[in-house]
Amino acid sequence: MLEDKALTPQEVAEILSITKNTVYELIKRGELNGYKVGKKIRIDVKDVEEYKNRSKNSHQNFTKNSDDNNISYTSPSDIYYENMIPNNGFVICGQDILLDILSRYLEYHPDGVRTYRSYVGSYNGLLALYFGKIQVATTHLWDGDTGEYNIPYVRRMLPGVPCIIIHLACRMQGFYVQKGNPKNIKTWEDLKRPDVKLVNREKGCGTRILLDEHLRLLNISGNDIDGYDRECLSHLTVASIVARNGADVAIGNEKNGLQVKDIDFIPLQKERYELVIKKEDLAKPPFQAIIEIIRSESFKTELSGIGGYDLTEIGNIIAEL
């Protein structure tokens, strides 16, 4: 049947009158379902039709950013999380590449399942878990009042839902600045200087919440920061904008920053990147498979080869809430 036909990204691009790269970006953001056949990406006709129908009913606006030549949402934080999450299947939410690797391991595990990825931020991922839209959330949300990562947010955002938090990795967060750091940007307070221009991350991601919590504690308003309202959807995008002199500073993790030329990284804070599942799911085979995978030597060896992760506590159950 036609609706069962698998399309190539180029065929989807022609149907939607967009570029092939935009198709890949839609898949990455979880707006369009895609899957691998060998090393090739394929998209089912029915998923293309579902995407078209959602787009017709959506009031999202797109704009072209003249500074970085990227097509982006006018306000990424206005995107309702449900539009970025597949409607069915086993979904792992989060943006780090280690989750793509975990998904691959899970698909080949004897007790595993075919996995869908949704690339929304930590806050919206926890909301999706609360509403039963996904099976696995990941989070790196820092609470400025307690100095803790993740536990305070899981308690508040999943009330009455017993959860397990499992540690994945620690990553270093900091500033992306232009090569040589010509503006001498070193602290959070430097962001309010009139000669410093920021490019920000979208509301709901852990990096944005880290910034907002530090600004709150320092009694600094986002209105006092040049570029605070300019939002992008990934570490690589903001790092690239800084590298091309589109901004003086952005915030992100060290690992992603190393992939972009002509920037320096100013370390600020080690963050905890952790996985959240509902306690009622813990005994189910796919979830047991996830725990087995992240504790395996082969998984840890692959992450070590990528670099940028502190894996000292990987696989530890941090909290049962």
C-alpha atoms as a PDB file:
ATOM      1  CA  MET A   1       0.000   0.000   0.000  1.00  0.00           C
ATOM      2  CA  LEU A   2       1.137   3.560  -0.728  1.00  0.00           C
ATOM      3  CA  GLU A   3       0.973   4.636   2.927  1.00  0.00           C
ATOM      4  CA  ASP A   4       3.465   1.859   3.800  1.00  0.00           C
ATOM      5  CA  LYS A   5       6.027   3.063   1.260  1.00  0.00           C
ATOM      6  CA  ALA A   6       9.384   4.179   2.648  1.00  0.00           C
ATOM      7  CA  LEU A   7      10.767   7.403   1.203  1.00  0.00           C
ATOM      8  CA  THR A   8      14.310   8.754   1.019  1.00  0.00           C
ATOM      9  CA  PRO A   9      15.082  12.175   2.542  1.00  0.00           C
ATOM     10  CA  GLN A  10      15.421  13.562  -1.002  1.00  0.00           C
ATOM     11  CA  GLU A  11      11.950  12.308  -1.935  1.00  0.00           C
ATOM     12  CA  VAL A  12      10.498  13.839   1.233  1.00  0.00           C
ATOM     13  CA  ALA A  13      12.267  17.124   0.446  1.00  0.00           C
ATOM     14  CA  GLU A  14      10.626  17.186  -2.994  1.00  0.00           C
ATOM     15  CA  ILE A  15       7.179  16.430  -1.542  1.00  0.00           C
ATOM     16  CA  LEU A  16       7.456  19.197   1.064  1.00  0.00           C
ATOM     17  CA  SER A  17       9.335  21.644  -1.209  1.00  0.00           C
ATOM     18  CA  ILE A  18      12.191  21.971   1.257  1.00  0.00           C
ATOM     19  CA  THR A  19      15.879  21.060   1.178  1.00  0.00           C
ATOM     20  CA  LYS A  20      17.175  17.638   2.103  1.00  0.00           C
ATOM     21  CA  ASN A  21      19.123  19.172   4.995  1.00  0.00           C
ATOM     22  CA  THR A  22      15.875  20.564   6.388  1.00  0.00           C
ATOM     23  CA  VAL A  23      14.410  17.040   6.294  1.00  0.00           C
ATOM     24  CA  TYR A  24      17.337  15.798   8.394  1.00  0.00           C
ATOM     25  CA  GLU A  25      16.821  18.693  10.831  1.00  0.00           C
ATOM     26  CA  LEU A  26      13.101  17.853  11.175  1.00  0.00           C
ATOM     27  CA  ILE A  27      14.005  14.246  11.981  1.00  0.00           C
ATOM     28  CA  LYS A  28      16.663  15.361  14.470  1.00  0.00           C
ATOM     29  CA  ARG A  29      14.187  17.615  16.270  1.00  0.00           C
ATOM     30  CA  GLY A  30      11.613  14.813  16.424  1.00  0.00           C
ATOM     31  CA  GLU A  31       9.081  16.652  14.241  1.00  0.00           C
ATOM     32  CA  LEU A  32       9.243  14.012  11.513  1.00  0.00           C
ATOM     33  CA  ASN A  33       9.612  10.292  12.200  1.00  0.00           C
ATOM     34  CA  GLY A  34      12.600   8.671  10.520  1.00  0.00           C
ATOM     35  CA  TYR A  35      14.430   5.384  10.909  1.00  0.00           C
ATOM     36  CA  LYS A  36      17.540   3.669   9.654  1.00  0.00           C
ATOM     37  CA  VAL A  37      17.696   0.837   7.132  1.00  0.00           C
ATOM     38  CA  GLY A  38      21.331  -0.123   7.273  1.00  0.00           C
ATOM     39  CA  LYS A  39      23.091   3.231   7.036  1.00  0.00           C
ATOM     40  CA  LYS A  40      20.266   4.943   5.135  1.00  0.00           C
ATOM     41  CA  ILE A  41      17.489   7.117   6.581  1.00  0.00           C
ATOM     42  CA  ARG A  42      13.940   6.299   5.503  1.00  0.00           C
ATOM     43  CA  ILE A  43      10.601   7.999   6.228  1.00  0.00           C
ATOM     44  CA  ASP A  44       7.170   6.385   5.830  1.00  0.00           C
ATOM     45  CA  VAL A  45       4.595   8.123   3.622  1.00  0.00           C
ATOM     46  CA  LYS A  46       2.068   8.144   6.467  1.00  0.00           C
ATOM     47  CA  ASP A  47       4.529  10.035   8.676  1.00  0.00           C
ATOM     48  CA  VAL A  48       5.046  12.650   5.965  1.00  0.00           C
ATOM     49  CA  GLU A  49       1.275  13.084   5.691  1.00  0.00           C
ATOM     50  CA  GLU A  50       0.957  13.405   9.479  1.00  0.00           C
ATOM     51  CA  TYR A  51       3.675  16.056   9.475  1.00  0.00           C
ATOM     52  CA  LYS A  52       1.909  17.975   6.688  1.00  0.00           C
ATOM     53  CA  ASN A  53      -1.388  17.864   8.571  1.00  0.00           C
ATOM     54  CA  ARG A  54       0.230  19.120  11.772  1.00  0.00           C
ATOM     55  CA  SER A  55       1.938  21.910   9.864  1.00  0.00           C
ATOM     56  CA  LYS A  56      -1.329  23.030   8.291  1.00  0.00           C
ATOM     57  CA  ASN A  57      -2.934  23.308  11.717  1.00  0.00           C
ATOM     58  CA  SER A  58       0.037  24.935  13.361  1.00  0.00           C
ATOM     59  CA  HIS A  59       0.490  28.632  14.033  1.00  0.00           C
ATOM     60  CA  GLN A  60       4.272  28.343  14.298  1.00  0.00           C
ATOM     61  CA  ASN A  61       6.124  31.067  12.407  1.00  0.00           C
ATOM     62  CA  PHE A  62       9.511  30.675  10.814  1.00  0.00           C
ATOM     63  CA  THR A  63      12.056  33.392  10.154  1.00  0.00           C
ATOM     64  CA  LYS A  64      15.462  33.614   8.529  1.00  0.00           C
ATOM     65  CA  ASN A  65      18.257  34.858  10.754  1.00  0.00           C
ATOM     66  CA  SER A  66      20.463  37.144   8.683  1.00  0.00           C
ATOM     67  CA  ASP A  67      23.438  36.719  11.025  1.00  0.00           C
ATOM     68  CA  ASP A  68      23.912  32.960  10.710  1.00  0.00           C
ATOM     69  CA  ASN A  69      22.024  31.953   7.539  1.00  0.00           C
ATOM     70  CA  ASN A  70      20.103  29.326   9.445  1.00  0.00           C
ATOM     71  CA  ILE A  71      16.350  28.840   9.249  1.00  0.00           C
ATOM     72  CA  SER A  72      14.964  28.845  12.769  1.00  0.00           C
ATOM     73  CA  TYR A  73      11.752  29.337  14.659  1.00  0.00           C
ATOM     74  CA  THR A  74      10.832  32.909  15.477  1.00  0.00           C
ATOM     75  CA  SER A  75      10.692  31.723  19.073  1.00  0.00           C
ATOM     76  CA  PRO A  76      11.744  28.105  19.646  1.00  0.00           C
ATOM     77  CA  SER A  77      10.421  28.263  23.191  1.00  0.00           C
ATOM     78  CA  ASP A  78       6.904  28.731  21.787  1.00  0.00           C
ATOM     79  CA  ILE A  79       6.952  25.227  20.258  1.00  0.00           C
ATOM     80  CA  TYR A  80       4.563  23.007  22.215  1.00  0.00           C
ATOM     81  CA  TYR A  81       6.453  19.869  23.189  1.00  0.00           C
ATOM     82  CA  GLU A  82       3.768  17.525  21.914  1.00  0.00           C
ATOM     83  CA  ASN A  83       4.427  18.620  18.320  1.00  0.00           C
ATOM     84  CA  MET A  84       8.048  17.485  18.639  1.00  0.00           C
ATOM     85  CA  ILE A  85       7.393  14.017  20.032  1.00  0.00           C
ATOM     86  CA  PRO A  86       6.378  10.945  18.000  1.00  0.00           C
ATOM     87  CA  ASN A  87       2.783   9.883  18.566  1.00  0.00           C
ATOM     88  CA  ASN A  88       3.577   6.282  19.419  1.00  0.00           C
ATOM     89  CA  GLY A  89       6.415   3.864  19.998  1.00  0.00           C
ATOM     90  CA  PHE A  90       9.222   3.784  22.550  1.00  0.00           C
ATOM     91  CA  VAL A  91      10.591   7.324  22.819  1.00  0.00           C
ATOM     92  CA  ILE A  92      13.791   8.517  24.473  1.00  0.00           C
ATOM     93  CA  CYS A  93      13.823  12.274  25.017  1.00  0.00           C
ATOM     94  CA  GLY A  94      16.983  14.388  25.086  1.00  0.00           C
ATOM     95  CA  GLN A  95      19.595  16.018  22.888  1.00  0.00           C
ATOM     96  CA  ASP A  96      22.964  14.434  23.667  1.00  0.00           C
ATOM     97  CA  ILE A  97      24.599  12.104  21.136  1.00  0.00           C
ATOM     98  CA  LEU A  98      25.043   9.452  23.835  1.00  0.00           C
ATOM     99  CA  LEU A  99      21.265   8.906  23.613  1.00  0.00           C
ATOM    100  CA  ASP A 100      21.577   8.147  19.894  1.00  0.00           C
ATOM    101  CA  ILE A 101      24.193   5.543  20.792  1.00  0.00           C
ATOM    102  CA  LEU A 102      21.974   4.159  23.561  1.00  0.00           C
ATOM    103  CA  SER A 103      19.077   3.891  21.085  1.00  0.00           C
ATOM    104  CA  ARG A 104      21.236   1.895  18.683  1.00  0.00           C
ATOM    105  CA  TYR A 105      22.299  -0.516  21.440  1.00  0.00           C
ATOM    106  CA  LEU A 106      18.699  -0.879  22.591  1.00  0.00           C
ATOM    107  CA  GLU A 107      17.417  -1.808  19.133  1.00  0.00           C
ATOM    108  CA  TYR A 108      19.895  -4.702  18.947  1.00  0.00           C
ATOM    109  CA  HIS A 109      19.520  -5.902  22.542  1.00  0.00           C
ATOM    110  CA  PRO A 110      17.603  -9.218  22.965  1.00  0.00           C
ATOM    111  CA  ASP A 111      15.101  -7.462  25.236  1.00  0.00           C
ATOM    112  CA  GLY A 112      15.247  -4.163  23.395  1.00  0.00           C
ATOM    113  CA  VAL A 113      12.805  -2.315  21.156  1.00  0.00           C
ATOM    114  CA  ARG A 114      12.862  -0.075  18.124  1.00  0.00           C
ATOM    115  CA  THR A 115      13.506   3.366  19.571  1.00  0.00           C
ATOM    116  CA  TYR A 116      12.351   6.817  18.551  1.00  0.00           C
ATOM    117  CA  ARG A 117      14.275   9.928  19.521  1.00  0.00           C
ATOM    118  CA  SER A 118      12.825  13.296  20.466  1.00  0.00           C
ATOM    119  CA  TYR A 119      15.295  16.166  20.688  1.00  0.00           C
ATOM    120  CA  VAL A 120      13.417  18.469  23.049  1.00  0.00           C
ATOM    121  CA  GLY A 121      15.083  19.947  26.127  1.00  0.00           C
ATOM    122  CA  SER A 122      15.073  18.657  29.692  1.00  0.00           C
ATOM    123  CA  TYR A 123      12.083  20.626  30.965  1.00  0.00           C
ATOM    124  CA  ASN A 124       9.765  19.605  28.132  1.00  0.00           C
ATOM    125  CA  GLY A 125      11.074  16.045  28.319  1.00  0.00           C
ATOM    126  CA  LEU A 126       9.977  15.770  31.950  1.00  0.00           C
ATOM    127  CA  LEU A 127       6.578  17.213  31.044  1.00  0.00           C
ATOM    128  CA  ALA A 128       6.231  14.640  28.277  1.00  0.00           C
ATOM    129  CA  LEU A 129       7.096  11.847  30.717  1.00  0.00           C
ATOM    130  CA  TYR A 130       4.480  13.148  33.177  1.00  0.00           C
ATOM    131  CA  PHE A 131       1.796  13.152  30.470  1.00  0.00           C
ATOM    132  CA  GLY A 132       2.777   9.665  29.252  1.00  0.00           C
ATOM    133  CA  LYS A 133       3.991  10.852  25.836  1.00  0.00           C
ATOM    134  CA  ILE A 134       7.434   9.249  26.180  1.00  0.00           C
ATOM    135  CA  GLN A 135       9.048   6.365  28.045  1.00  0.00           C
ATOM    136  CA  VAL A 136      12.448   7.831  28.967  1.00  0.00           C
ATOM    137  CA  ALA A 137      13.419  11.424  29.780  1.00  0.00           C
ATOM    138  CA  THR A 138      16.878  12.838  30.342  1.00  0.00           C
ATOM    139  CA  THR A 139      17.650  15.936  32.331  1.00  0.00           C
ATOM    140  CA  HIS A 140      20.442  18.284  33.362  1.00  0.00           C
ATOM    141  CA  LEU A 141      18.479  20.899  35.290  1.00  0.00           C
ATOM    142  CA  TRP A 142      20.309  22.864  37.985  1.00  0.00           C
ATOM    143  CA  ASP A 143      18.435  24.276  40.969  1.00  0.00           C
ATOM    144  CA  GLY A 144      20.115  27.447  42.175  1.00  0.00           C
ATOM    145  CA  ASP A 145      18.610  27.343  45.664  1.00  0.00           C
ATOM    146  CA  THR A 146      19.838  23.859  46.564  1.00  0.00           C
ATOM    147  CA  GLY A 147      22.806  23.520  44.183  1.00  0.00           C
ATOM    148  CA  GLU A 148      21.380  20.148  43.150  1.00  0.00           C
ATOM    149  CA  TYR A 149      20.859  18.778  39.698  1.00  0.00           C
ATOM    150  CA  ASN A 150      17.623  17.129  38.549  1.00  0.00           C
ATOM    151  CA  ILE A 151      16.115  15.790  41.797  1.00  0.00           C
ATOM    152  CA  PRO A 152      14.288  19.025  42.732  1.00  0.00           C
ATOM    153  CA  TYR A 153      12.813  19.317  39.214  1.00  0.00           C
ATOM    154  CA  VAL A 154      11.690  15.693  39.010  1.00  0.00           C
ATOM    155  CA  ARG A 155       9.946  16.050  42.381  1.00  0.00           C
ATOM    156  CA  ARG A 156       8.107  19.197  41.276  1.00  0.00           C
ATOM    157  CA  MET A 157       7.311  18.256  37.691  1.00  0.00           C
ATOM    158  CA  LEU A 158       6.142  14.672  38.233  1.00  0.00           C
ATOM    159  CA  PRO A 159       4.036  15.018  41.379  1.00  0.00           C
ATOM    160  CA  GLY A 160       2.576  11.735  42.555  1.00  0.00           C
ATOM    161  CA  VAL A 161       4.574   9.775  39.957  1.00  0.00           C
ATOM    162  CA  PRO A 162       7.228   7.499  41.539  1.00  0.00           C
ATOM    163  CA  CYS A 163      10.400   7.797  39.439  1.00  0.00           C
ATOM    164  CA  ILE A 164      13.922   6.449  39.222  1.00  0.00           C
ATOM    165  CA  ILE A 165      16.856   8.722  38.347  1.00  0.00           C
ATOM    166  CA  ILE A 166      19.845   6.926  36.814  1.00  0.00           C
ATOM    167  CA  HIS A 167      23.156   8.706  36.255  1.00  0.00           C
ATOM    168  CA  LEU A 168      24.592   8.826  32.746  1.00  0.00           C
ATOM    169  CA  ALA A 169      27.518  11.253  32.761  1.00  0.00           C
ATOM    170  CA  CYS A 170      28.914  14.524  33.991  1.00  0.00           C
ATOM    171  CA  ARG A 171      29.708  17.216  31.432  1.00  0.00           C
ATOM    172  CA  MET A 172      31.413  20.577  31.733  1.00  0.00           C
ATOM    173  CA  GLN A 173      29.277  23.616  30.959  1.00  0.00           C
ATOM    174  CA  GLY A 174      30.751  26.986  30.153  1.00  0.00           C
ATOM    175  CA  PHE A 175      31.045  29.892  27.745  1.00  0.00           C
ATOM    176  CA  TYR A 176      31.737  29.624  24.027  1.00  0.00           C
ATOM    177  CA  VAL A 177      33.737  32.743  23.122  1.00  0.00           C
ATOM    178  CA  GLN A 178      35.604  33.906  20.049  1.00  0.00           C
ATOM    179  CA  LYS A 179      39.152  32.641  19.612  1.00  0.00           C
ATOM    180  CA  GLY A 180      41.441  34.354  22.099  1.00  0.00           C
ATOM    181  CA  ASN A 181      38.452  35.648  24.088  1.00  0.00           C
ATOM    182  CA  PRO A 182      38.844  39.257  22.861  1.00  0.00           C
ATOM    183  CA  LYS A 183      36.083  40.539  25.166  1.00  0.00           C
ATOM    184  CA  ASN A 184      37.685  38.825  28.194  1.00  0.00           C
ATOM    185  CA  ILE A 185      34.402  37.160  29.190  1.00  0.00           C
ATOM    186  CA  LYS A 186      34.901  35.046  32.304  1.00  0.00           C
ATOM    187  CA  THR A 187      31.910  35.298  34.654  1.00  0.00           C
ATOM    188  CA  TRP A 188      28.107  35.393  34.569  1.00  0.00           C
ATOM    189  CA  GLU A 189      28.237  39.075  35.500  1.00  0.00           C
ATOM    190  CA  ASP A 190      30.135  39.813  32.258  1.00  0.00           C
ATOM    191  CA  LEU A 191      26.985  38.995  30.276  1.00  0.00           C
ATOM    192  CA  LYS A 192      25.353  42.289  31.261  1.00  0.00           C
ATOM    193  CA  ARG A 193      28.237  44.383  29.919  1.00  0.00           C
ATOM    194  CA  PRO A 194      27.043  46.679  27.083  1.00  0.00           C
ATOM    195  CA  ASP A 195      29.872  45.527  24.799  1.00  0.00           C
ATOM    196  CA  VAL A 196      28.939  41.814  25.109  1.00  0.00           C
ATOM    197  CA  LYS A 197      26.372  40.209  22.784  1.00  0.00           C
ATOM    198  CA  LEU A 198      24.835  36.856  23.726  1.00  0.00           C
ATOM    199  CA  VAL A 199      23.166  34.178  21.603  1.00  0.00           C
ATOM    200  CA  ASN A 200      20.862  32.177  23.867  1.00  0.00           C
ATOM    201  CA  ARG A 201      19.353  28.694  23.988  1.00  0.00           C
ATOM    202  CA  GLU A 202      15.616  27.992  23.938  1.00  0.00           C
ATOM    203  CA  LYS A 203      13.465  28.001  27.061  1.00  0.00           C
ATOM    204  CA  GLY A 204      13.174  24.552  28.628  1.00  0.00           C
ATOM    205  CA  CYS A 205      16.634  23.225  27.837  1.00  0.00           C
ATOM    206  CA  GLY A 206      19.045  22.606  30.703  1.00  0.00           C
ATOM    207  CA  THR A 207      21.555  25.138  29.414  1.00  0.00           C
ATOM    208  CA  ARG A 208      18.969  27.931  29.360  1.00  0.00           C
ATOM    209  CA  ILE A 209      17.781  27.067  32.873  1.00  0.00           C
ATOM    210  CA  LEU A 210      21.398  27.073  34.100  1.00  0.00           C
ATOM    211  CA  LEU A 211      21.776  30.622  32.758  1.00  0.00           C
ATOM    212  CA  ASP A 212      18.441  31.803  34.135  1.00  0.00           C
ATOM    213  CA  GLU A 213      19.126  30.385  37.586  1.00  0.00           C
ATOM    214  CA  HIS A 214      22.503  32.148  37.782  1.00  0.00           C
ATOM    215  CA  LEU A 215      20.947  35.410  36.592  1.00  0.00           C
ATOM    216  CA  ARG A 216      18.203  35.055  39.211  1.00  0.00           C
ATOM    217  CA  LEU A 217      20.732  34.528  41.995  1.00  0.00           C
ATOM    218  CA  LEU A 218      22.723  37.563  40.811  1.00  0.00           C
ATOM    219  CA  ASN A 219      19.554  39.657  40.454  1.00  0.00           C
ATOM    220  CA  ILE A 220      20.293  40.276  36.781  1.00  0.00           C
ATOM    221  CA  SER A 221      17.373  40.679  34.373  1.00  0.00           C
ATOM    222  CA  GLY A 222      17.494  39.114  30.930  1.00  0.00           C
ATOM    223  CA  ASN A 223      16.340  42.517  29.629  1.00  0.00           C
ATOM    224  CA  ASP A 224      19.748  43.869  30.624  1.00  0.00           C
ATOM    225  CA  ILE A 225      21.592  41.396  28.356  1.00  0.00           C
ATOM    226  CA  ASP A 226      22.078  42.107  24.663  1.00  0.00           C
ATOM    227  CA  GLY A 227      20.890  39.060  22.696  1.00  0.00           C
ATOM    228  CA  TYR A 228      19.068  37.356  25.573  1.00  0.00           C
ATOM    229  CA  ASP A 229      15.894  36.960  23.482  1.00  0.00           C
ATOM    230  CA  ARG A 230      17.734  35.495  20.482  1.00  0.00           C
ATOM    231  CA  GLU A 231      17.169  31.728  20.817  1.00  0.00           C
ATOM    232  CA  CYS A 232      18.680  28.733  19.011  1.00  0.00           C
ATOM    233  CA  LEU A 233      17.985  25.022  19.334  1.00  0.00           C
ATOM    234  CA  SER A 234      21.419  23.429  19.774  1.00  0.00           C
ATOM    235  CA  HIS A 235      24.917  23.791  21.213  1.00  0.00           C
ATOM    236  CA  LEU A 236      26.443  23.537  17.752  1.00  0.00           C
ATOM    237  CA  THR A 237      24.291  26.329  16.371  1.00  0.00           C
ATOM    238  CA  VAL A 238      25.164  28.839  19.084  1.00  0.00           C
ATOM    239  CA  ALA A 239      28.854  27.861  18.967  1.00  0.00           C
ATOM    240  CA  SER A 240      28.870  28.345  15.193  1.00  0.00           C
ATOM    241  CA  ILE A 241      27.281  31.797  15.515  1.00  0.00           C
ATOM    242  CA  VAL A 242      29.991  32.834  17.981  1.00  0.00           C
ATOM    243  CA  ALA A 243      32.707  31.439  15.697  1.00  0.00           C
ATOM    244  CA  ARG A 244      31.364  33.563  12.807  1.00  0.00           C
ATOM    245  CA  ASN A 245      31.287  36.734  14.944  1.00  0.00           C
ATOM    246  CA  GLY A 246      27.487  36.741  15.093  1.00  0.00           C
ATOM    247  CA  ALA A 247      27.733  36.991  18.885  1.00  0.00           C
ATOM    248  CA  ASP A 248      30.430  37.329  21.524  1.00  0.00           C
ATOM    249  CA  VAL A 249      29.313  34.523  23.829  1.00  0.00           C
ATOM    250  CA  ALA A 250      27.018  31.525  24.154  1.00  0.00           C
ATOM    251  CA  ILE A 251      26.597  28.812  26.769  1.00  0.00           C
ATOM    252  CA  GLY A 252      27.050  25.110  26.133  1.00  0.00           C
ATOM    253  CA  ASN A 253      29.000  22.006  27.023  1.00  0.00           C
ATOM    254  CA  GLU A 254      32.667  21.486  26.294  1.00  0.00           C
ATOM    255  CA  LYS A 255      32.254  18.381  24.149  1.00  0.00           C
ATOM    256  CA  ASN A 256      30.100  20.117  21.543  1.00  0.00           C
ATOM    257  CA  GLY A 257      32.270  23.195  21.577  1.00  0.00           C
ATOM    258  CA  LEU A 258      35.289  21.140  20.550  1.00  0.00           C
ATOM    259  CA  GLN A 259      33.556  20.372  17.238  1.00  0.00           C
ATOM    260  CA  VAL A 260      33.504  24.031  16.142  1.00  0.00           C
ATOM    261  CA  LYS A 261      36.594  25.862  14.894  1.00  0.00           C
ATOM    262  CA  ASP A 262      37.631  29.320  16.016  1.00  0.00           C
ATOM    263  CA  ILE A 263      36.059  29.334  19.459  1.00  0.00           C
ATOM    264  CA  ASP A 264      37.476  28.963  22.953  1.00  0.00           C
ATOM    265  CA  PHE A 265      35.713  27.330  25.871  1.00  0.00           C
ATOM    266  CA  ILE A 266      35.608  28.929  29.333  1.00  0.00           C
ATOM    267  CA  PRO A 267      34.623  26.218  31.873  1.00  0.00           C
ATOM    268  CA  LEU A 268      32.145  27.268  34.557  1.00  0.00           C
ATOM    269  CA  GLN A 269      30.275  24.345  36.086  1.00  0.00           C
ATOM    270  CA  LYS A 270      30.172  20.550  35.967  1.00  0.00           C
ATOM    271  CA  GLU A 271      26.652  19.340  35.277  1.00  0.00           C
ATOM    272  CA  ARG A 272      24.966  16.000  35.889  1.00  0.00           C
ATOM    273  CA  TYR A 273      23.230  14.404  32.914  1.00  0.00           C
ATOM    274  CA  GLU A 274      20.733  11.801  34.103  1.00  0.00           C
ATOM    275  CA  LEU A 275      17.982   9.514  32.888  1.00  0.00           C
ATOM    276  CA  VAL A 276      14.467   9.487  34.372  1.00  0.00           C
ATOM    277  CA  ILE A 277      11.945   6.637  34.098  1.00  0.00           C
ATOM    278  CA  LYS A 278       8.738   5.840  35.911  1.00  0.00           C
ATOM    279  CA  LYS A 279       9.174   3.317  38.712  1.00  0.00           C
ATOM    280  CA  GLU A 280       6.247   1.259  37.396  1.00  0.00           C
ATOM    281  CA  ASP A 281       8.261   0.608  34.206  1.00  0.00           C
ATOM    282  CA  LEU A 282      11.495  -0.452  35.883  1.00  0.00           C
ATOM    283  CA  ALA A 283      10.878  -4.234  35.717  1.00  0.00           C
ATOM    284  CA  LYS A 284       9.825  -4.209  32.055  1.00  0.00           C
ATOM    285  CA  PRO A 285      12.342  -5.808  29.643  1.00  0.00           C
ATOM    286  CA  PRO A 286      13.237  -2.677  27.600  1.00  0.00           C
ATOM    287  CA  PHE A 287      14.000  -0.683  30.741  1.00  0.00           C
ATOM    288  CA  GLN A 288      16.081  -3.481  32.220  1.00  0.00           C
ATOM    289  CA  ALA A 289      17.898  -3.596  28.887  1.00  0.00           C
ATOM    290  CA  ILE A 290      18.662   0.135  29.145  1.00  0.00           C
ATOM    291  CA  ILE A 291      20.204  -0.298  32.576  1.00  0.00           C
ATOM    292  CA  GLU A 292      22.221  -3.293  31.403  1.00  0.00           C
ATOM    293  CA  ILE A 293      23.469  -1.359  28.370  1.00  0.00           C
ATOM    294  CA  ILE A 294      24.585   1.779  30.180  1.00  0.00           C
ATOM    295  CA  ARG A 295      26.435  -0.341  32.733  1.00  0.00           C
ATOM    296  CA  SER A 296      28.171  -2.418  30.052  1.00  0.00           C
ATOM    297  CA  GLU A 297      31.861  -2.014  29.258  1.00  0.00           C
ATOM    298  CA  SER A 298      31.178  -1.750  25.517  1.00  0.00           C
ATOM    299  CA  PHE A 299      28.852   1.242  25.985  1.00  0.00           C
ATOM    300  CA  LYS A 300      31.249   2.981  28.365  1.00  0.00           C
ATOM    301  CA  THR A 301      34.169   2.314  26.013  1.00  0.00           C
ATOM    302  CA  GLU A 302      32.302   3.895  23.087  1.00  0.00           C
ATOM    303  CA  LEU A 303      31.481   7.013  25.109  1.00  0.00           C
ATOM    304  CA  SER A 304      35.062   7.244  26.355  1.00  0.00           C
ATOM    305  CA  GLY A 305      36.222   7.217  22.748  1.00  0.00           C
ATOM    306  CA  ILE A 306      34.021  10.213  21.944  1.00  0.00           C
ATOM    307  CA  GLY A 307      35.418  12.175  24.880  1.00  0.00           C
ATOM    308  CA  GLY A 308      33.960  14.983  26.949  1.00  0.00           C
ATOM    309  CA  TYR A 309      32.181  12.750  29.483  1.00  0.00           C
ATOM    310  CA  ASP A 310      32.991  11.938  33.096  1.00  0.00           C
ATOM    311  CA  LEU A 311      31.631   8.387  33.393  1.00  0.00           C
ATOM    312  CA  THR A 312      32.625   7.738  36.993  1.00  0.00           C
ATOM    313  CA  GLU A 313      29.041   7.224  38.194  1.00  0.00           C
ATOM    314  CA  ILE A 314      27.419   5.892  35.014  1.00  0.00           C
ATOM    315  CA  GLY A 315      24.594   3.445  35.729  1.00  0.00           C
ATOM    316  CA  ASN A 316      24.209   4.396  39.395  1.00  0.00           C
ATOM    317  CA  ILE A 317      20.675   4.880  40.675  1.00  0.00           C
ATOM    318  CA  ILE A 318      20.832   8.401  42.094  1.00  0.00           C
ATOM    319  CA  ALA A 319      17.345   8.636  43.561  1.00  0.00           C
ATOM    320  CA  GLU A 320      14.036   6.803  43.907  1.00  0.00           C
ATOM    321  CA  LEU A 321      11.336   9.424  44.225  1.00  0.00           C
END
